[in-house]
PDB file of N, CA and C in Angstrom:
ATOM      1  N   UNK A   1      43.895 -34.224 -31.107  1.00  0.00           N
ATOM      2  CA  UNK A   1      43.697 -34.354 -32.542  1.00  0.00           C
ATOM      3  C   UNK A   1      42.204 -34.432 -32.831  1.00  0.00           C
ATOM      4  N   UNK A   2      41.790 -33.828 -33.901  1.00  0.00           N
ATOM      5  CA  UNK A   2      40.395 -33.810 -34.299  1.00  0.00           C
ATOM      6  C   UNK A   2      40.003 -35.166 -34.869  1.00  0.00           C
ATOM      7  N   UNK A   3      38.817 -35.639 -34.478  1.00  0.00           N
ATOM      8  CA  UNK A   3      38.297 -36.873 -35.062  1.00  0.00           C
ATOM      9  C   UNK A   3      37.971 -36.623 -36.520  1.00  0.00           C
ATOM     10  N   UNK A   4      38.110 -37.645 -37.330  1.00  0.00           N
ATOM     11  CA  UNK A   4      37.790 -37.531 -38.751  1.00  0.00           C
ATOM     12  C   UNK A   4      36.450 -38.194 -38.994  1.00  0.00           C
ATOM     13  N   UNK A   5      35.522 -37.435 -39.567  1.00  0.00           N
ATOM     14  CA  UNK A   5      34.203 -37.971 -39.882  1.00  0.00           C
ATOM     15  C   UNK A   5      34.331 -38.986 -41.002  1.00  0.00           C
ATOM     16  N   UNK A   6      33.662 -40.108 -40.888  1.00  0.00           N
ATOM     17  CA  UNK A   6      33.771 -41.124 -41.933  1.00  0.00           C
ATOM     18  C   UNK A   6      33.087 -40.675 -43.216  1.00  0.00           C
ATOM     19  N   UNK A   7      33.709 -40.993 -44.334  1.00  0.00           N
ATOM     20  CA  UNK A   7      33.129 -40.681 -45.634  1.00  0.00           C
ATOM     21  C   UNK A   7      32.204 -41.809 -46.074  1.00  0.00           C
ATOM     22  N   UNK A   8      32.654 -43.010 -45.904  1.00  0.00           N
ATOM     23  CA  UNK A   8      31.907 -44.163 -46.366  1.00  0.00           C
ATOM     24  C   UNK A   8      31.135 -44.729 -45.178  1.00  0.00           C
ATOM     25  N   UNK A   9      29.872 -44.954 -45.376  1.00  0.00           N
ATOM     26  CA  UNK A   9      29.077 -45.549 -44.313  1.00  0.00           C
ATOM     27  C   UNK A   9      28.669 -46.946 -44.738  1.00  0.00           C
ATOM     28  N   UNK A  10      28.328 -47.744 -43.757  1.00  0.00           N
ATOM     29  CA  UNK A  10      27.855 -49.090 -44.074  1.00  0.00           C
ATOM     30  C   UNK A  10      26.345 -49.112 -44.172  1.00  0.00           C
ATOM     31  N   UNK A  11      25.742 -47.971 -44.005  1.00  0.00           N
ATOM     32  CA  UNK A  11      24.294 -47.837 -44.089  1.00  0.00           C
ATOM     33  C   UNK A  11      23.856 -48.116 -45.522  1.00  0.00           C
ATOM     34  N   UNK A  12      22.806 -48.881 -45.704  1.00  0.00           N
ATOM     35  CA  UNK A  12      22.369 -49.257 -47.046  1.00  0.00           C
ATOM     36  C   UNK A  12      21.254 -48.373 -47.577  1.00  0.00           C
ATOM     37  N   UNK A  13      20.941 -47.267 -46.871  1.00  0.00           N
ATOM     38  CA  UNK A  13      19.900 -46.365 -47.363  1.00  0.00           C
ATOM     39  C   UNK A  13      20.348 -45.724 -48.665  1.00  0.00           C
ATOM     40  N   UNK A  14      19.384 -45.344 -49.479  1.00  0.00           N
ATOM     41  CA  UNK A  14      19.697 -44.686 -50.739  1.00  0.00           C
ATOM     42  C   UNK A  14      19.969 -43.216 -50.522  1.00  0.00           C
ATOM     43  N   UNK A  15      20.640 -42.609 -51.490  1.00  0.00           N
ATOM     44  CA  UNK A  15      20.870 -41.170 -51.429  1.00  0.00           C
ATOM     45  C   UNK A  15      19.533 -40.469 -51.318  1.00  0.00           C
ATOM     46  N   UNK A  16      19.495 -39.411 -50.555  1.00  0.00           N
ATOM     47  CA  UNK A  16      18.256 -38.678 -50.374  1.00  0.00           C
ATOM     48  C   UNK A  16      17.639 -38.899 -49.003  1.00  0.00           C
ATOM     49  N   UNK A  17      18.172 -39.840 -48.235  1.00  0.00           N
ATOM     50  CA  UNK A  17      17.581 -40.125 -46.939  1.00  0.00           C
ATOM     51  C   UNK A  17      18.249 -39.361 -45.802  1.00  0.00           C
ATOM     52  N   UNK A  18      19.394 -38.748 -46.038  1.00  0.00           N
ATOM     53  CA  UNK A  18      20.094 -37.996 -45.005  1.00  0.00           C
ATOM     54  C   UNK A  18      19.628 -36.540 -45.010  1.00  0.00           C
ATOM     55  N   UNK A  19      19.723 -35.901 -43.864  1.00  0.00           N
ATOM     56  CA  UNK A  19      19.369 -34.483 -43.779  1.00  0.00           C
ATOM     57  C   UNK A  19      20.331 -33.650 -44.619  1.00  0.00           C
ATOM     58  N   UNK A  20      21.611 -33.983 -44.552  1.00  0.00           N
ATOM     59  CA  UNK A  20      22.637 -33.285 -45.326  1.00  0.00           C
ATOM     60  C   UNK A  20      23.393 -34.304 -46.153  1.00  0.00           C
ATOM     61  N   UNK A  21      23.544 -34.000 -47.434  1.00  0.00           N
ATOM     62  CA  UNK A  21      24.320 -34.856 -48.331  1.00  0.00           C
ATOM     63  C   UNK A  21      25.383 -33.998 -49.000  1.00  0.00           C
ATOM     64  N   UNK A  22      26.613 -34.485 -48.946  1.00  0.00           N
ATOM     65  CA  UNK A  22      27.729 -33.812 -49.596  1.00  0.00           C
ATOM     66  C   UNK A  22      28.184 -34.669 -50.770  1.00  0.00           C
ATOM     67  N   UNK A  23      28.111 -34.105 -51.951  1.00  0.00           N
ATOM     68  CA  UNK A  23      28.569 -34.778 -53.163  1.00  0.00           C
ATOM     69  C   UNK A  23      29.941 -34.194 -53.461  1.00  0.00           C
ATOM     70  N   UNK A  24      30.982 -34.934 -53.068  1.00  0.00           N
ATOM     71  CA  UNK A  24      32.347 -34.441 -53.112  1.00  0.00           C
ATOM     72  C   UNK A  24      32.995 -34.582 -54.481  1.00  0.00           C
ATOM     73  N   UNK A  25      33.978 -33.715 -54.752  1.00  0.00           N
ATOM     74  CA  UNK A  25      34.792 -33.902 -55.951  1.00  0.00           C
ATOM     75  C   UNK A  25      35.707 -35.102 -55.737  1.00  0.00           C
ATOM     76  N   UNK A  26      36.333 -35.599 -56.781  1.00  0.00           N
ATOM     77  CA  UNK A  26      37.279 -36.705 -56.607  1.00  0.00           C
ATOM     78  C   UNK A  26      38.387 -36.288 -55.641  1.00  0.00           C
ATOM     79  N   UNK A  27      38.702 -37.184 -54.712  1.00  0.00           N
ATOM     80  CA  UNK A  27      39.764 -36.927 -53.741  1.00  0.00           C
ATOM     81  C   UNK A  27      40.680 -38.136 -53.672  1.00  0.00           C
ATOM     82  N   UNK A  28      41.858 -37.927 -53.120  1.00  0.00           N
ATOM     83  CA  UNK A  28      42.860 -38.992 -53.065  1.00  0.00           C
ATOM     84  C   UNK A  28      42.515 -40.090 -52.061  1.00  0.00           C
ATOM     85  N   UNK A  29      41.675 -39.770 -51.099  1.00  0.00           N
ATOM     86  CA  UNK A  29      41.264 -40.755 -50.101  1.00  0.00           C
ATOM     87  C   UNK A  29      39.834 -40.434 -49.676  1.00  0.00           C
ATOM     88  N   UNK A  30      39.192 -41.276 -48.909  1.00  0.00           N
ATOM     89  CA  UNK A  30      37.774 -41.068 -48.585  1.00  0.00           C
ATOM     90  C   UNK A  30      37.424 -39.722 -47.960  1.00  0.00           C
ATOM     91  N   UNK A  31      38.300 -39.152 -47.142  1.00  0.00           N
ATOM     92  CA  UNK A  31      37.983 -37.887 -46.491  1.00  0.00           C
ATOM     93  C   UNK A  31      38.688 -36.701 -47.123  1.00  0.00           C
ATOM     94  N   UNK A  32      39.703 -36.957 -47.945  1.00  0.00           N
ATOM     95  CA  UNK A  32      40.508 -35.876 -48.493  1.00  0.00           C
ATOM     96  C   UNK A  32      41.539 -35.386 -47.498  1.00  0.00           C
ATOM     97  N   UNK A  33      41.525 -35.948 -46.298  1.00  0.00           N
ATOM     98  CA  UNK A  33      42.467 -35.536 -45.259  1.00  0.00           C
ATOM     99  C   UNK A  33      43.663 -36.478 -45.264  1.00  0.00           C
ATOM    100  N   UNK A  34      44.461 -36.358 -46.317  1.00  0.00           N
ATOM    101  CA  UNK A  34      45.605 -37.232 -46.458  1.00  0.00           C
ATOM    102  C   UNK A  34      46.732 -36.458 -47.138  1.00  0.00           C
ATOM    103  N   UNK A  35      47.849 -37.078 -47.288  1.00  0.00           N
ATOM    104  CA  UNK A  35      48.979 -36.423 -47.931  1.00  0.00           C
ATOM    105  C   UNK A  35      49.820 -35.646 -46.935  1.00  0.00           C
ATOM    106  N   UNK A  36      50.892 -35.043 -47.422  1.00  0.00           N
ATOM    107  CA  UNK A  36      51.829 -34.352 -46.530  1.00  0.00           C
ATOM    108  C   UNK A  36      51.276 -33.064 -45.927  1.00  0.00           C
ATOM    109  N   UNK A  37      50.328 -32.426 -46.603  1.00  0.00           N
ATOM    110  CA  UNK A  37      49.708 -31.212 -46.056  1.00  0.00           C
ATOM    111  C   UNK A  37      48.198 -31.389 -46.087  1.00  0.00           C
ATOM    112  N   UNK A  38      47.546 -30.837 -45.080  1.00  0.00           N
ATOM    113  CA  UNK A  38      46.098 -30.961 -45.005  1.00  0.00           C
ATOM    114  C   UNK A  38      45.434 -29.692 -45.524  1.00  0.00           C
ATOM    115  N   UNK A  39      44.364 -29.870 -46.260  1.00  0.00           N
ATOM    116  CA  UNK A  39      43.586 -28.762 -46.801  1.00  0.00           C
ATOM    117  C   UNK A  39      42.684 -28.225 -45.693  1.00  0.00           C
ATOM    118  N   UNK A  40      42.858 -26.950 -45.344  1.00  0.00           N
ATOM    119  CA  UNK A  40      42.077 -26.353 -44.263  1.00  0.00           C
ATOM    120  C   UNK A  40      40.576 -26.419 -44.540  1.00  0.00           C
ATOM    121  N   UNK A  41      40.193 -26.286 -45.797  1.00  0.00           N
ATOM    122  CA  UNK A  41      38.766 -26.360 -46.139  1.00  0.00           C
ATOM    123  C   UNK A  41      38.195 -27.721 -45.766  1.00  0.00           C
ATOM    124  N   UNK A  42      38.931 -28.784 -46.062  1.00  0.00           N
ATOM    125  CA  UNK A  42      38.452 -30.130 -45.740  1.00  0.00           C
ATOM    126  C   UNK A  42      38.448 -30.371 -44.235  1.00  0.00           C
ATOM    127  N   UNK A  43      39.384 -29.779 -43.518  1.00  0.00           N
ATOM    128  CA  UNK A  43      39.356 -29.859 -42.054  1.00  0.00           C
ATOM    129  C   UNK A  43      38.115 -29.162 -41.509  1.00  0.00           C
ATOM    130  N   UNK A  44      37.793 -27.993 -42.070  1.00  0.00           N
ATOM    131  CA  UNK A  44      36.602 -27.252 -41.655  1.00  0.00           C
ATOM    132  C   UNK A  44      35.331 -28.045 -41.942  1.00  0.00           C
ATOM    133  N   UNK A  45      35.285 -28.690 -43.113  1.00  0.00           N
ATOM    134  CA  UNK A  45      34.120 -29.510 -43.470  1.00  0.00           C
ATOM    135  C   UNK A  45      33.985 -30.667 -42.488  1.00  0.00           C
ATOM    136  N   UNK A  46      35.107 -31.289 -42.149  1.00  0.00           N
ATOM    137  CA  UNK A  46      35.076 -32.395 -41.202  1.00  0.00           C
ATOM    138  C   UNK A  46      34.542 -31.935 -39.847  1.00  0.00           C
ATOM    139  N   UNK A  47      34.998 -30.787 -39.382  1.00  0.00           N
ATOM    140  CA  UNK A  47      34.510 -30.252 -38.110  1.00  0.00           C
ATOM    141  C   UNK A  47      33.020 -29.915 -38.182  1.00  0.00           C
ATOM    142  N   UNK A  48      32.570 -29.391 -39.334  1.00  0.00           N
ATOM    143  CA  UNK A  48      31.156 -29.087 -39.518  1.00  0.00           C
ATOM    144  C   UNK A  48      30.334 -30.373 -39.431  1.00  0.00           C
ATOM    145  N   UNK A  49      30.797 -31.423 -40.084  1.00  0.00           N
ATOM    146  CA  UNK A  49      30.086 -32.704 -40.066  1.00  0.00           C
ATOM    147  C   UNK A  49      29.990 -33.237 -38.643  1.00  0.00           C
ATOM    148  N   UNK A  50      31.089 -33.182 -37.905  1.00  0.00           N
ATOM    149  CA  UNK A  50      31.075 -33.661 -36.524  1.00  0.00           C
ATOM    150  C   UNK A  50      30.105 -32.855 -35.669  1.00  0.00           C
ATOM    151  N   UNK A  51      30.067 -31.533 -35.867  1.00  0.00           N
ATOM    152  CA  UNK A  51      29.150 -30.676 -35.110  1.00  0.00           C
ATOM    153  C   UNK A  51      27.703 -31.011 -35.434  1.00  0.00           C
ATOM    154  N   UNK A  52      27.404 -31.217 -36.710  1.00  0.00           N
ATOM    155  CA  UNK A  52      26.037 -31.560 -37.126  1.00  0.00           C
ATOM    156  C   UNK A  52      25.616 -32.912 -36.561  1.00  0.00           C
ATOM    157  N   UNK A  53      26.526 -33.875 -36.633  1.00  0.00           N
ATOM    158  CA  UNK A  53      26.218 -35.202 -36.110  1.00  0.00           C
ATOM    159  C   UNK A  53      26.015 -35.157 -34.595  1.00  0.00           C
ATOM    160  N   UNK A  54      26.789 -34.332 -33.903  1.00  0.00           N
ATOM    161  CA  UNK A  54      26.631 -34.193 -32.450  1.00  0.00           C
ATOM    162  C   UNK A  54      25.261 -33.623 -32.096  1.00  0.00           C
ATOM    163  N   UNK A  55      24.688 -32.845 -33.022  1.00  0.00           N
ATOM    164  CA  UNK A  55      23.357 -32.277 -32.813  1.00  0.00           C
ATOM    165  C   UNK A  55      22.246 -33.200 -33.319  1.00  0.00           C
ATOM    166  N   UNK A  56      22.629 -34.375 -33.806  1.00  0.00           N
ATOM    167  CA  UNK A  56      21.648 -35.356 -34.231  1.00  0.00           C
ATOM    168  C   UNK A  56      21.320 -35.368 -35.712  1.00  0.00           C
ATOM    169  N   UNK A  57      21.971 -34.534 -36.498  1.00  0.00           N
ATOM    170  CA  UNK A  57      21.711 -34.508 -37.945  1.00  0.00           C
ATOM    171  C   UNK A  57      22.389 -35.701 -38.618  1.00  0.00           C
ATOM    172  N   UNK A  58      21.741 -36.221 -39.634  1.00  0.00           N
ATOM    173  CA  UNK A  58      22.310 -37.298 -40.434  1.00  0.00           C
ATOM    174  C   UNK A  58      23.043 -36.672 -41.609  1.00  0.00           C
ATOM    175  N   UNK A  59      24.320 -36.996 -41.733  1.00  0.00           N
ATOM    176  CA  UNK A  59      25.155 -36.436 -42.799  1.00  0.00           C
ATOM    177  C   UNK A  59      25.764 -37.591 -43.575  1.00  0.00           C
ATOM    178  N   UNK A  60      25.663 -37.514 -44.895  1.00  0.00           N
ATOM    179  CA  UNK A  60      26.268 -38.511 -45.787  1.00  0.00           C
ATOM    180  C   UNK A  60      27.176 -37.800 -46.766  1.00  0.00           C
ATOM    181  N   UNK A  61      28.292 -38.443 -47.101  1.00  0.00           N
ATOM    182  CA  UNK A  61      29.197 -37.913 -48.124  1.00  0.00           C
ATOM    183  C   UNK A  61      29.336 -38.965 -49.220  1.00  0.00           C
ATOM    184  N   UNK A  62      29.379 -38.476 -50.465  1.00  0.00           N
ATOM    185  CA  UNK A  62      29.492 -39.375 -51.606  1.00  0.00           C
ATOM    186  C   UNK A  62      30.599 -38.893 -52.533  1.00  0.00           C
ATOM    187  N   UNK A  63      31.339 -39.835 -53.100  1.00  0.00           N
ATOM    188  CA  UNK A  63      32.311 -39.531 -54.141  1.00  0.00           C
ATOM    189  C   UNK A  63      31.858 -40.220 -55.419  1.00  0.00           C
ATOM    190  N   UNK A  64      32.002 -39.510 -56.516  1.00  0.00           N
ATOM    191  CA  UNK A  64      31.519 -40.019 -57.791  1.00  0.00           C
ATOM    192  C   UNK A  64      32.179 -41.340 -58.173  1.00  0.00           C
ATOM    193  N   UNK A  65      33.466 -41.488 -57.878  1.00  0.00           N
ATOM    194  CA  UNK A  65      34.165 -42.701 -58.303  1.00  0.00           C
ATOM    195  C   UNK A  65      33.784 -43.924 -57.475  1.00  0.00           C
ATOM    196  N   UNK A  66      33.479 -43.740 -56.196  1.00  0.00           N
ATOM    197  CA  UNK A  66      33.173 -44.890 -55.359  1.00  0.00           C
ATOM    198  C   UNK A  66      31.678 -45.086 -55.104  1.00  0.00           C
ATOM    199  N   UNK A  67      30.882 -44.029 -55.296  1.00  0.00           N
ATOM    200  CA  UNK A  67      29.437 -44.132 -55.064  1.00  0.00           C
ATOM    201  C   UNK A  67      28.662 -43.437 -56.188  1.00  0.00           C
ATOM    202  N   UNK A  68      28.868 -43.864 -57.433  1.00  0.00           N
ATOM    203  CA  UNK A  68      28.208 -43.188 -58.548  1.00  0.00           C
ATOM    204  C   UNK A  68      26.691 -43.255 -58.482  1.00  0.00           C
ATOM    205  N   UNK A  69      26.146 -44.298 -57.874  1.00  0.00           N
ATOM    206  CA  UNK A  69      24.692 -44.438 -57.826  1.00  0.00           C
ATOM    207  C   UNK A  69      24.046 -43.310 -57.023  1.00  0.00           C
ATOM    208  N   UNK A  70      24.739 -42.818 -55.993  1.00  0.00           N
ATOM    209  CA  UNK A  70      24.199 -41.701 -55.207  1.00  0.00           C
ATOM    210  C   UNK A  70      24.040 -40.465 -56.085  1.00  0.00           C
ATOM    211  N   UNK A  71      24.992 -40.241 -56.980  1.00  0.00           N
ATOM    212  CA  UNK A  71      24.902 -39.112 -57.913  1.00  0.00           C
ATOM    213  C   UNK A  71      23.763 -39.353 -58.903  1.00  0.00           C
ATOM    214  N   UNK A  72      23.711 -40.555 -59.449  1.00  0.00           N
ATOM    215  CA  UNK A  72      22.686 -40.882 -60.444  1.00  0.00           C
ATOM    216  C   UNK A  72      21.279 -40.832 -59.861  1.00  0.00           C
ATOM    217  N   UNK A  73      21.138 -41.127 -58.582  1.00  0.00           N
ATOM    218  CA  UNK A  73      19.823 -41.134 -57.942  1.00  0.00           C
ATOM    219  C   UNK A  73      19.293 -39.744 -57.634  1.00  0.00           C
ATOM    220  N   UNK A  74      20.131 -38.724 -57.768  1.00  0.00           N
ATOM    221  CA  UNK A  74      19.703 -37.362 -57.456  1.00  0.00           C
ATOM    222  C   UNK A  74      19.696 -36.551 -58.749  1.00  0.00           C
ATOM    223  N   UNK A  75      18.505 -36.305 -59.299  1.00  0.00           N
ATOM    224  CA  UNK A  75      18.371 -35.627 -60.593  1.00  0.00           C
ATOM    225  C   UNK A  75      18.972 -34.227 -60.578  1.00  0.00           C
ATOM    226  N   UNK A  76      18.793 -33.483 -59.493  1.00  0.00           N
ATOM    227  CA  UNK A  76      19.332 -32.120 -59.421  1.00  0.00           C
ATOM    228  C   UNK A  76      20.856 -32.134 -59.433  1.00  0.00           C
ATOM    229  N   UNK A  77      21.443 -33.068 -58.719  1.00  0.00           N
ATOM    230  CA  UNK A  77      22.902 -33.183 -58.695  1.00  0.00           C
ATOM    231  C   UNK A  77      23.418 -33.554 -60.081  1.00  0.00           C
ATOM    232  N   UNK A  78      22.790 -34.519 -60.716  1.00  0.00           N
ATOM    233  CA  UNK A  78      23.244 -34.933 -62.048  1.00  0.00           C
ATOM    234  C   UNK A  78      23.087 -33.806 -63.068  1.00  0.00           C
ATOM    235  N   UNK A  79      22.016 -33.030 -62.974  1.00  0.00           N
ATOM    236  CA  UNK A  79      21.837 -31.898 -63.879  1.00  0.00           C
ATOM    237  C   UNK A  79      22.995 -30.911 -63.704  1.00  0.00           C
ATOM    238  N   UNK A  80      23.345 -30.609 -62.467  1.00  0.00           N
ATOM    239  CA  UNK A  80      24.455 -29.678 -62.206  1.00  0.00           C
ATOM    240  C   UNK A  80      25.782 -30.225 -62.705  1.00  0.00           C
ATOM    241  N   UNK A  81      26.023 -31.513 -62.499  1.00  0.00           N
ATOM    242  CA  UNK A  81      27.270 -32.128 -62.963  1.00  0.00           C
ATOM    243  C   UNK A  81      27.329 -32.115 -64.490  1.00  0.00           C
ATOM    244  N   UNK A  82      26.197 -32.365 -65.145  1.00  0.00           N
ATOM    245  CA  UNK A  82      26.185 -32.328 -66.614  1.00  0.00           C
ATOM    246  C   UNK A  82      26.432 -30.914 -67.134  1.00  0.00           C
ATOM    247  N   UNK A  83      25.843 -29.919 -66.460  1.00  0.00           N
ATOM    248  CA  UNK A  83      25.991 -28.529 -66.896  1.00  0.00           C
ATOM    249  C   UNK A  83      27.376 -27.965 -66.609  1.00  0.00           C
ATOM    250  N   UNK A  84      27.882 -28.199 -65.406  1.00  0.00           N
ATOM    251  CA  UNK A  84      29.123 -27.555 -64.969  1.00  0.00           C
ATOM    252  C   UNK A  84      30.293 -28.517 -64.843  1.00  0.00           C
ATOM    253  N   UNK A  85      30.050 -29.786 -65.047  1.00  0.00           N
ATOM    254  CA  UNK A  85      31.036 -30.848 -64.894  1.00  0.00           C
ATOM    255  C   UNK A  85      31.651 -30.794 -63.498  1.00  0.00           C
ATOM    256  N   UNK A  86      32.950 -31.026 -63.365  1.00  0.00           N
ATOM    257  CA  UNK A  86      33.567 -31.083 -62.040  1.00  0.00           C
ATOM    258  C   UNK A  86      33.544 -29.743 -61.315  1.00  0.00           C
ATOM    259  N   UNK A  87      33.353 -28.648 -62.034  1.00  0.00           N
ATOM    260  CA  UNK A  87      33.275 -27.331 -61.391  1.00  0.00           C
ATOM    261  C   UNK A  87      32.050 -27.231 -60.475  1.00  0.00           C
ATOM    262  N   UNK A  88      31.062 -28.082 -60.679  1.00  0.00           N
ATOM    263  CA  UNK A  88      29.872 -28.066 -59.828  1.00  0.00           C
ATOM    264  C   UNK A  88      30.163 -28.628 -58.442  1.00  0.00           C
ATOM    265  N   UNK A  89      31.199 -29.452 -58.337  1.00  0.00           N
ATOM    266  CA  UNK A  89      31.496 -30.132 -57.077  1.00  0.00           C
ATOM    267  C   UNK A  89      32.380 -29.299 -56.172  1.00  0.00           C
ATOM    268  N   UNK A  90      32.153 -29.333 -54.893  1.00  0.00           N
ATOM    269  CA  UNK A  90      31.165 -30.124 -54.189  1.00  0.00           C
ATOM    270  C   UNK A  90      29.766 -29.534 -54.309  1.00  0.00           C
ATOM    271  N   UNK A  91      28.783 -30.389 -54.177  1.00  0.00           N
ATOM    272  CA  UNK A  91      27.379 -29.983 -54.144  1.00  0.00           C
ATOM    273  C   UNK A  91      26.832 -30.422 -52.783  1.00  0.00           C
ATOM    274  N   UNK A  92      26.164 -29.512 -52.106  1.00  0.00           N
ATOM    275  CA  UNK A  92      25.563 -29.842 -50.816  1.00  0.00           C
ATOM    276  C   UNK A  92      24.049 -29.800 -50.960  1.00  0.00           C
ATOM    277  N   UNK A  93      23.413 -30.862 -50.504  1.00  0.00           N
ATOM    278  CA  UNK A  93      21.962 -30.976 -50.523  1.00  0.00           C
ATOM    279  C   UNK A  93      21.490 -31.022 -49.070  1.00  0.00           C
ATOM    280  N   UNK A  94      20.546 -30.155 -48.749  1.00  0.00           N
ATOM    281  CA  UNK A  94      19.973 -30.113 -47.403  1.00  0.00           C
ATOM    282  C   UNK A  94      18.478 -30.392 -47.494  1.00  0.00           C
ATOM    283  N   UNK A  95      18.055 -31.405 -46.793  1.00  0.00           N
ATOM    284  CA  UNK A  95      16.637 -31.804 -46.786  1.00  0.00           C
ATOM    285  C   UNK A  95      16.091 -31.964 -48.200  1.00  0.00           C
ATOM    286  N   UNK A  96      16.903 -32.556 -49.081  1.00  0.00           N
ATOM    287  CA  UNK A  96      16.473 -32.844 -50.435  1.00  0.00           C
ATOM    288  C   UNK A  96      16.597 -31.700 -51.420  1.00  0.00           C
ATOM    289  N   UNK A  97      17.058 -30.531 -50.970  1.00  0.00           N
ATOM    290  CA  UNK A  97      17.183 -29.366 -51.858  1.00  0.00           C
ATOM    291  C   UNK A  97      18.638 -28.943 -51.951  1.00  0.00           C
ATOM    292  N   UNK A  98      19.060 -28.552 -53.149  1.00  0.00           N
ATOM    293  CA  UNK A  98      20.433 -28.102 -53.334  1.00  0.00           C
ATOM    294  C   UNK A  98      20.651 -26.829 -52.525  1.00  0.00           C
ATOM    295  N   UNK A  99      21.662 -26.870 -51.678  1.00  0.00           N
ATOM    296  CA  UNK A  99      21.992 -25.737 -50.822  1.00  0.00           C
ATOM    297  C   UNK A  99      23.149 -24.927 -51.396  1.00  0.00           C
ATOM    298  N   UNK A 100      24.196 -25.610 -51.863  1.00  0.00           N
ATOM    299  CA  UNK A 100      25.375 -24.898 -52.348  1.00  0.00           C
ATOM    300  C   UNK A 100      26.051 -25.719 -53.436  1.00  0.00           C
ATOM    301  N   UNK A 101      26.597 -25.011 -54.437  1.00  0.00           N
ATOM    302  CA  UNK A 101      27.249 -25.644 -55.578  1.00  0.00           C
ATOM    303  C   UNK A 101      28.639 -25.036 -55.753  1.00  0.00           C
ATOM    304  N   UNK A 102      29.645 -25.887 -55.942  1.00  0.00           N
ATOM    305  CA  UNK A 102      30.998 -25.415 -56.236  1.00  0.00           C
ATOM    306  C   UNK A 102      31.832 -25.042 -55.035  1.00  0.00           C
ATOM    307  N   UNK A 103      31.283 -25.131 -53.849  1.00  0.00           N
ATOM    308  CA  UNK A 103      32.010 -24.841 -52.611  1.00  0.00           C
ATOM    309  C   UNK A 103      31.245 -25.476 -51.458  1.00  0.00           C
ATOM    310  N   UNK A 104      31.946 -25.713 -50.372  1.00  0.00           N
ATOM    311  CA  UNK A 104      31.286 -26.264 -49.196  1.00  0.00           C
ATOM    312  C   UNK A 104      30.584 -25.146 -48.431  1.00  0.00           C
ATOM    313  N   UNK A 105      29.438 -25.444 -47.840  1.00  0.00           N
ATOM    314  CA  UNK A 105      28.729 -24.431 -47.049  1.00  0.00           C
ATOM    315  C   UNK A 105      29.382 -24.268 -45.679  1.00  0.00           C
ATOM    316  N   UNK A 106      29.029 -23.187 -45.024  1.00  0.00           N
ATOM    317  CA  UNK A 106      29.452 -22.993 -43.645  1.00  0.00           C
ATOM    318  C   UNK A 106      28.466 -23.720 -42.738  1.00  0.00           C
ATOM    319  N   UNK A 107      28.853 -23.890 -41.502  1.00  0.00           N
ATOM    320  CA  UNK A 107      27.951 -24.505 -40.527  1.00  0.00           C
ATOM    321  C   UNK A 107      26.686 -23.664 -40.381  1.00  0.00           C
ATOM    322  N   UNK A 108      26.832 -22.353 -40.398  1.00  0.00           N
ATOM    323  CA  UNK A 108      25.671 -21.461 -40.280  1.00  0.00           C
ATOM    324  C   UNK A 108      24.715 -21.645 -41.458  1.00  0.00           C
ATOM    325  N   UNK A 109      25.246 -21.802 -42.666  1.00  0.00           N
ATOM    326  CA  UNK A 109      24.391 -22.007 -43.839  1.00  0.00           C
ATOM    327  C   UNK A 109      23.619 -23.310 -43.726  1.00  0.00           C
ATOM    328  N   UNK A 110      24.293 -24.360 -43.261  1.00  0.00           N
ATOM    329  CA  UNK A 110      23.630 -25.659 -43.134  1.00  0.00           C
ATOM    330  C   UNK A 110      22.557 -25.598 -42.051  1.00  0.00           C
ATOM    331  N   UNK A 111      22.885 -24.992 -40.927  1.00  0.00           N
ATOM    332  CA  UNK A 111      21.894 -24.892 -39.848  1.00  0.00           C
ATOM    333  C   UNK A 111      20.680 -24.081 -40.297  1.00  0.00           C
ATOM    334  N   UNK A 112      20.908 -23.012 -41.041  1.00  0.00           N
ATOM    335  CA  UNK A 112      19.796 -22.210 -41.539  1.00  0.00           C
ATOM    336  C   UNK A 112      18.906 -23.040 -42.462  1.00  0.00           C
ATOM    337  N   UNK A 113      19.528 -23.830 -43.322  1.00  0.00           N
ATOM    338  CA  UNK A 113      18.749 -24.684 -44.232  1.00  0.00           C
ATOM    339  C   UNK A 113      17.967 -25.739 -43.459  1.00  0.00           C
ATOM    340  N   UNK A 114      18.576 -26.296 -42.445  1.00  0.00           N
ATOM    341  CA  UNK A 114      17.891 -27.319 -41.651  1.00  0.00           C
ATOM    342  C   UNK A 114      16.738 -26.727 -40.844  1.00  0.00           C
ATOM    343  N   UNK A 115      16.875 -25.458 -40.497  1.00  0.00           N
ATOM    344  CA  UNK A 115      15.823 -24.789 -39.730  1.00  0.00           C
ATOM    345  C   UNK A 115      14.791 -24.124 -40.627  1.00  0.00           C
ATOM    346  N   UNK A 116      14.958 -24.261 -41.940  1.00  0.00           N
ATOM    347  CA  UNK A 116      13.991 -23.689 -42.880  1.00  0.00           C
ATOM    348  C   UNK A 116      14.199 -22.235 -43.172  1.00  0.00           C
ATOM    349  N   UNK A 117      15.276 -21.640 -42.658  1.00  0.00           N
ATOM    350  CA  UNK A 117      15.558 -20.224 -42.921  1.00  0.00           C
ATOM    351  C   UNK A 117      16.325 -20.106 -44.226  1.00  0.00           C
ATOM    352  N   UNK A 118      16.249 -18.954 -44.829  1.00  0.00           N
ATOM    353  CA  UNK A 118      17.024 -18.700 -46.047  1.00  0.00           C
ATOM    354  C   UNK A 118      18.475 -18.521 -45.667  1.00  0.00           C
ATOM    355  N   UNK A 119      19.339 -19.206 -46.376  1.00  0.00           N
ATOM    356  CA  UNK A 119      20.778 -19.112 -46.097  1.00  0.00           C
ATOM    357  C   UNK A 119      21.392 -17.923 -46.803  1.00  0.00           C
TER     358      UNK A 119
END
């Protein structure tokens, strides 16, 4: 069975300190991996997070309902949420810059952003 990457961390750092930040849409549970059927997209995201963490990248995930301050602390994320509302989510931020809006990135896109290449 695949390990599930934790959504909530006990780390007290503010949003913006992780290499990769995922601003998730509202989900039924912290990882979205719950219920009678699993969403393949969320399984893929979980595997991507585990791969990034195995390579030493810091990854944080935030949900608006449980961690609103993370959204409020990121002006670019809040601008997108105000403009597109929930359609903007998920939003992925890599090294402080918005990488993808409205869908989760692939592992290749995240690695390219972390390496400074255009995704």
